[in-house]
Protein backbone atom coordinates (compact mmCIF):
# COMPACT_ATOMS: atom_id res chain seq x y z
CA MET A 1 28.70 119.14 230.61
CA ALA A 2 27.90 119.55 234.40
CA ILE A 3 27.16 115.73 234.69
CA SER A 4 29.65 114.05 237.19
CA TYR A 5 31.68 111.01 235.69
CA ARG A 6 34.03 109.01 238.03
CA MET A 7 37.72 109.82 237.13
CA GLU A 8 40.70 107.51 237.73
CA ILE A 9 44.03 108.84 238.27
CA VAL A 10 47.00 106.81 237.42
CA GLU A 11 50.53 107.56 238.03
CA ASP A 12 52.67 107.04 234.91
CA LYS A 13 56.05 105.54 236.38
CA GLY A 14 57.49 104.76 232.86
CA GLY A 15 56.80 108.20 231.25
CA GLY A 16 56.30 110.56 234.40
CA GLY A 17 53.46 112.54 234.94
CA PHE A 18 49.79 111.27 235.61
CA VAL A 19 47.05 109.49 233.58
CA VAL A 20 43.31 110.44 233.88
CA PHE A 21 40.61 108.34 232.35
CA TYR A 22 36.75 108.01 233.01
CA PRO A 23 35.42 104.43 233.03
CA ASP A 24 32.00 105.46 231.79
CA LEU A 25 33.40 107.23 228.61
CA PRO A 26 35.32 104.95 226.65
CA GLY A 27 38.46 106.29 225.22
CA GLY A 28 37.79 109.33 227.59
CA ILE A 29 41.69 109.71 228.53
CA THR A 30 44.19 112.45 228.99
CA CYS A 31 47.23 113.08 230.90
CA GLY A 32 49.28 115.77 232.69
CA GLN A 33 52.77 116.42 234.53
CA THR A 34 50.98 117.11 237.78
CA VAL A 35 47.90 115.77 239.26
CA GLU A 36 46.45 119.21 239.02
CA ASP A 37 47.48 119.40 235.51
CA ALA A 38 45.97 115.97 234.57
CA VAL A 39 42.63 116.90 236.53
CA ALA A 40 42.27 120.22 234.58
CA ASN A 41 43.14 118.55 231.26
CA ALA A 42 40.47 115.88 232.23
CA ALA A 43 37.74 118.31 232.19
CA ASP A 44 38.78 119.41 228.84
CA ALA A 45 38.80 115.81 227.72
CA LYS A 46 35.40 115.22 229.09
CA ARG A 47 33.88 118.18 227.40
CA ALA A 48 35.64 117.11 224.10
CA TRP A 49 34.49 113.67 224.27
CA ILE A 50 30.75 114.56 224.91
CA GLU A 51 30.80 117.01 222.15
CA ALA A 52 32.22 114.52 219.79
CA ALA A 53 29.82 111.81 220.61
CA LEU A 54 27.00 114.28 220.20
CA GLU A 55 28.10 115.21 216.71
CA GLU A 56 28.67 111.62 215.50
CA GLY A 57 25.52 110.33 217.17
CA ILE A 58 27.19 108.17 219.71
CA GLU A 59 25.40 106.89 222.74
CA ILE A 60 26.64 108.57 225.89
CA ASN A 61 26.41 106.20 228.84
CA GLU A 62 24.87 107.68 232.18
CA PRO A 63 27.47 107.70 234.85
CA ASN A 64 27.42 104.75 237.18
CA SER A 65 26.08 105.87 240.56
CA LEU A 66 28.17 108.21 242.24
CA GLU A 67 25.98 107.42 245.65
CA ASP A 68 28.42 104.70 246.70
CA SER A 69 31.53 107.00 246.22
CA SER A 70 33.12 108.64 248.85
CA GLY A 71 34.16 111.60 247.16
CA GLN A 72 38.09 110.97 247.32
CA ILE A 73 40.39 110.94 244.64
CA LYS A 74 42.31 107.65 244.73
CA MET A 75 45.73 107.18 242.88
CA LYS A 76 46.59 104.15 241.58
CA ASN A 77 50.64 103.57 242.04
CA THR A 78 51.02 101.28 238.75
CA ALA A 79 52.94 101.63 235.78
CA TRP A 80 50.93 102.64 232.70
CA TYR A 81 51.15 100.63 229.57
């Protein structure tokens, strides 16, 4: 579970809080009332996604190269639908 996957954080303007998803893990999505909660929940969601994929025999994508990443967390300021 120590593999690093890029996460994206989007502020949920309509419902409040923040949505976090992993572009390399289809359906790997969660949320939280604060950024900190959302990131903590994302770690649990990633673990659960990978465990379920292993149990079901679903292919687990390798993460896209993080070498091009700055390591910064950028939040999108858009409505989540």
